[in-house]
C-alpha atoms as a PDB file:
ATOM      1  CA  MET A   1      22.278 -14.856 -10.127  1.00  0.00           C
ATOM      2  CA  ARG A   2      25.406 -13.980 -12.136  1.00  0.00           C
ATOM      3  CA  LEU A   3      27.597 -15.558  -9.464  1.00  0.00           C
ATOM      4  CA  ARG A   4      25.805 -18.915  -9.613  1.00  0.00           C
ATOM      5  CA  PRO A   5      27.245 -21.796 -11.695  1.00  0.00           C
ATOM      6  CA  PRO A   6      25.603 -22.425 -15.109  1.00  0.00           C
ATOM      7  CA  ASP A   7      23.963 -25.697 -14.036  1.00  0.00           C
ATOM      8  CA  TRP A   8      22.543 -24.278 -10.804  1.00  0.00           C
ATOM      9  CA  PRO A   9      18.756 -24.827 -10.702  1.00  0.00           C
ATOM     10  CA  LEU A  10      16.409 -22.006  -9.823  1.00  0.00           C
ATOM     11  CA  PRO A  11      14.746 -22.342  -6.403  1.00  0.00           C
ATOM     12  CA  ARG A  12      11.122 -23.446  -6.279  1.00  0.00           C
ATOM     13  CA  PRO A  13       8.830 -20.421  -6.006  1.00  0.00           C
ATOM     14  CA  ASN A  14       6.572 -19.965  -3.013  1.00  0.00           C
ATOM     15  CA  ALA A  15       3.813 -18.464  -5.173  1.00  0.00           C
ATOM     16  CA  ILE A  16       2.982 -18.176  -8.873  1.00  0.00           C
ATOM     17  CA  HIS A  17       0.812 -15.604 -10.633  1.00  0.00           C
ATOM     18  CA  HIS A  18      -0.648 -16.727 -13.976  1.00  0.00           C
ATOM     19  CA  ILE A  19      -2.128 -14.256 -16.445  1.00  0.00           C
ATOM     20  CA  VAL A  20      -3.920 -14.706 -19.741  1.00  0.00           C
ATOM     21  CA  GLU A  21      -2.301 -12.879 -22.616  1.00  0.00           C
ATOM     22  CA  ASP A  22      -2.904 -12.401 -26.319  1.00  0.00           C
ATOM     23  CA  PHE A  23      -2.759  -9.495 -28.722  1.00  0.00           C
ATOM     24  CA  LEU A  24      -6.248  -8.310 -27.655  1.00  0.00           C
ATOM     25  CA  THR A  25      -5.473  -8.184 -23.943  1.00  0.00           C
ATOM     26  CA  ASP A  26      -6.310  -4.923 -22.197  1.00  0.00           C
ATOM     27  CA  TRP A  27      -3.525  -4.690 -19.619  1.00  0.00           C
ATOM     28  CA  THR A  28      -5.228  -1.769 -17.878  1.00  0.00           C
ATOM     29  CA  ALA A  29      -8.432  -3.649 -17.045  1.00  0.00           C
ATOM     30  CA  PRO A  30      -8.871  -3.119 -13.289  1.00  0.00           C
ATOM     31  CA  ASN A  31     -10.705  -6.342 -12.425  1.00  0.00           C
ATOM     32  CA  ALA A  32      -9.021  -8.634 -14.944  1.00  0.00           C
ATOM     33  CA  HIS A  33      -5.337  -7.740 -14.499  1.00  0.00           C
ATOM     34  CA  ILE A  34      -4.570  -4.959 -12.038  1.00  0.00           C
ATOM     35  CA  LEU A  35      -6.537  -6.198  -9.010  1.00  0.00           C
ATOM     36  CA  PRO A  36      -5.320  -9.838  -9.186  1.00  0.00           C
ATOM     37  CA  LEU A  37      -1.721  -8.683  -9.634  1.00  0.00           C
ATOM     38  CA  ARG A  38      -2.010  -6.252  -6.707  1.00  0.00           C
ATOM     39  CA  ARG A  39      -3.461  -8.978  -4.466  1.00  0.00           C
ATOM     40  CA  PHE A  40      -0.698 -11.392  -5.496  1.00  0.00           C
ATOM     41  CA  LEU A  41       1.991  -8.828  -4.687  1.00  0.00           C
ATOM     42  CA  GLU A  42       0.285  -7.959  -1.384  1.00  0.00           C
ATOM     43  CA  ASN A  43       0.358 -11.626  -0.375  1.00  0.00           C
ATOM     44  CA  CYS A  44       4.023 -11.973  -1.380  1.00  0.00           C
ATOM     45  CA  LEU A  45       5.081  -8.784   0.421  1.00  0.00           C
ATOM     46  CA  SER A  46       2.663  -9.092   3.363  1.00  0.00           C
ATOM     47  CA  THR A  47       1.629  -5.470   3.031  1.00  0.00           C
ATOM     48  CA  ASP A  48      -1.218  -3.318   1.761  1.00  0.00           C
ATOM     49  CA  LEU A  49      -0.455  -1.718  -1.619  1.00  0.00           C
ATOM     50  CA  ARG A  50      -3.626   0.347  -1.934  1.00  0.00           C
ATOM     51  CA  ASN A  51      -3.437   4.144  -2.072  1.00  0.00           C
ATOM     52  CA  PHE A  52      -5.124   6.005   0.763  1.00  0.00           C
ATOM     53  CA  PHE A  53      -6.342   9.552   1.322  1.00  0.00           C
ATOM     54  CA  ALA A  54      -4.575  11.625   3.966  1.00  0.00           C
ATOM     55  CA  GLU A  55      -7.496  11.259   6.400  1.00  0.00           C
ATOM     56  CA  SER A  56      -7.216   7.458   6.245  1.00  0.00           C
ATOM     57  CA  CYS A  57      -3.453   7.657   6.804  1.00  0.00           C
ATOM     58  CA  PHE A  58      -4.099   9.907   9.804  1.00  0.00           C
ATOM     59  CA  LEU A  59      -6.416   7.269  11.278  1.00  0.00           C
ATOM     60  CA  PHE A  60      -3.949   4.456  10.476  1.00  0.00           C
ATOM     61  CA  ALA A  61      -1.178   6.356  12.252  1.00  0.00           C
ATOM     62  CA  PHE A  62      -3.176   6.321  15.496  1.00  0.00           C
ATOM     63  CA  THR A  63      -4.718   2.858  15.266  1.00  0.00           C
ATOM     64  CA  HIS A  64      -2.070   0.594  13.650  1.00  0.00           C
ATOM     65  CA  GLN A  65       1.557  -0.177  14.390  1.00  0.00           C
ATOM     66  CA  LYS A  66       2.520  -0.565  10.712  1.00  0.00           C
ATOM     67  CA  LEU A  67       1.387   1.945   8.091  1.00  0.00           C
ATOM     68  CA  PRO A  68       0.715   0.979   4.463  1.00  0.00           C
ATOM     69  CA  PRO A  69       3.547   2.013   2.081  1.00  0.00           C
ATOM     70  CA  SER A  70       1.454   4.751   0.445  1.00  0.00           C
ATOM     71  CA  CYS A  71       0.974   6.381   3.859  1.00  0.00           C
ATOM     72  CA  GLN A  72       4.661   6.015   4.728  1.00  0.00           C
ATOM     73  CA  GLN A  73       5.764   7.607   1.461  1.00  0.00           C
ATOM     74  CA  GLY A  74       3.246  10.437   1.356  1.00  0.00           C
ATOM     75  CA  TYR A  75       1.527  11.309   4.612  1.00  0.00           C
ATOM     76  CA  VAL A  76       4.348  10.669   7.087  1.00  0.00           C
ATOM     77  CA  ARG A  77       6.807  12.689   4.959  1.00  0.00           C
ATOM     78  CA  MET A  78       4.523  15.728   5.286  1.00  0.00           C
ATOM     79  CA  GLN A  79       3.146  15.437   1.758  1.00  0.00           C
ATOM     80  CA  GLY A  80      -0.420  14.648   2.688  1.00  0.00           C
ATOM     81  CA  LEU A  81      -2.668  16.292   5.232  1.00  0.00           C
ATOM     82  CA  VAL A  82      -2.305  20.030   5.790  1.00  0.00           C
ATOM     83  CA  GLY A  83      -3.210  21.082   9.316  1.00  0.00           C
ATOM     84  CA  SER A  84      -5.948  23.600  10.008  1.00  0.00           C
ATOM     85  CA  GLN A  85      -8.005  24.793  12.957  1.00  0.00           C
ATOM     86  CA  GLU A  86     -11.042  22.898  11.674  1.00  0.00           C
ATOM     87  CA  LEU A  87      -9.061  19.642  11.385  1.00  0.00           C
ATOM     88  CA  ARG A  88      -7.660  20.064  14.896  1.00  0.00           C
ATOM     89  CA  HIS A  89     -11.167  20.667  16.249  1.00  0.00           C
ATOM     90  CA  HIS A  90     -12.393  17.513  14.474  1.00  0.00           C
ATOM     91  CA  ALA A  91      -9.491  15.470  15.909  1.00  0.00           C
ATOM     92  CA  VAL A  92     -10.246  16.748  19.425  1.00  0.00           C
ATOM     93  CA  GLN A  93     -13.951  15.856  19.062  1.00  0.00           C
ATOM     94  CA  ALA A  94     -13.012  12.374  17.830  1.00  0.00           C
ATOM     95  CA  GLY A  95     -10.748  11.872  20.859  1.00  0.00           C
ATOM     96  CA  LEU A  96      -7.571  11.631  18.791  1.00  0.00           C
ATOM     97  CA  LEU A  97      -5.920  14.805  20.185  1.00  0.00           C
ATOM     98  CA  GLN A  98      -5.956  16.613  23.529  1.00  0.00           C
ATOM     99  CA  ASP A  99      -7.565  20.058  23.701  1.00  0.00           C
ATOM    100  CA  TYR A 100      -4.877  22.364  25.117  1.00  0.00           C
ATOM    101  CA  THR A 101      -6.799  25.603  24.526  1.00  0.00           C
END
């Protein structure tokens, strides 16, 4: 924007998010501010911005081509699900892994 001439008009936005504000506004209200803003950003970015547990990321990894950002940042970088014998047994029973034993 700094390289544009002073009289250069801003481009028309593709989407607009309006919020109500006054000195009594509770900006942490989940249904009044956080959820609408998250949905607006999800539509603009064409992605899912929810946070998921490691088990959900595990399922996403096997059933979807594109993982949500929270799964990419946490689960795929080995910061989520810790492997165990019980988890492997569960994955084999669910048909997600082969039983090599």
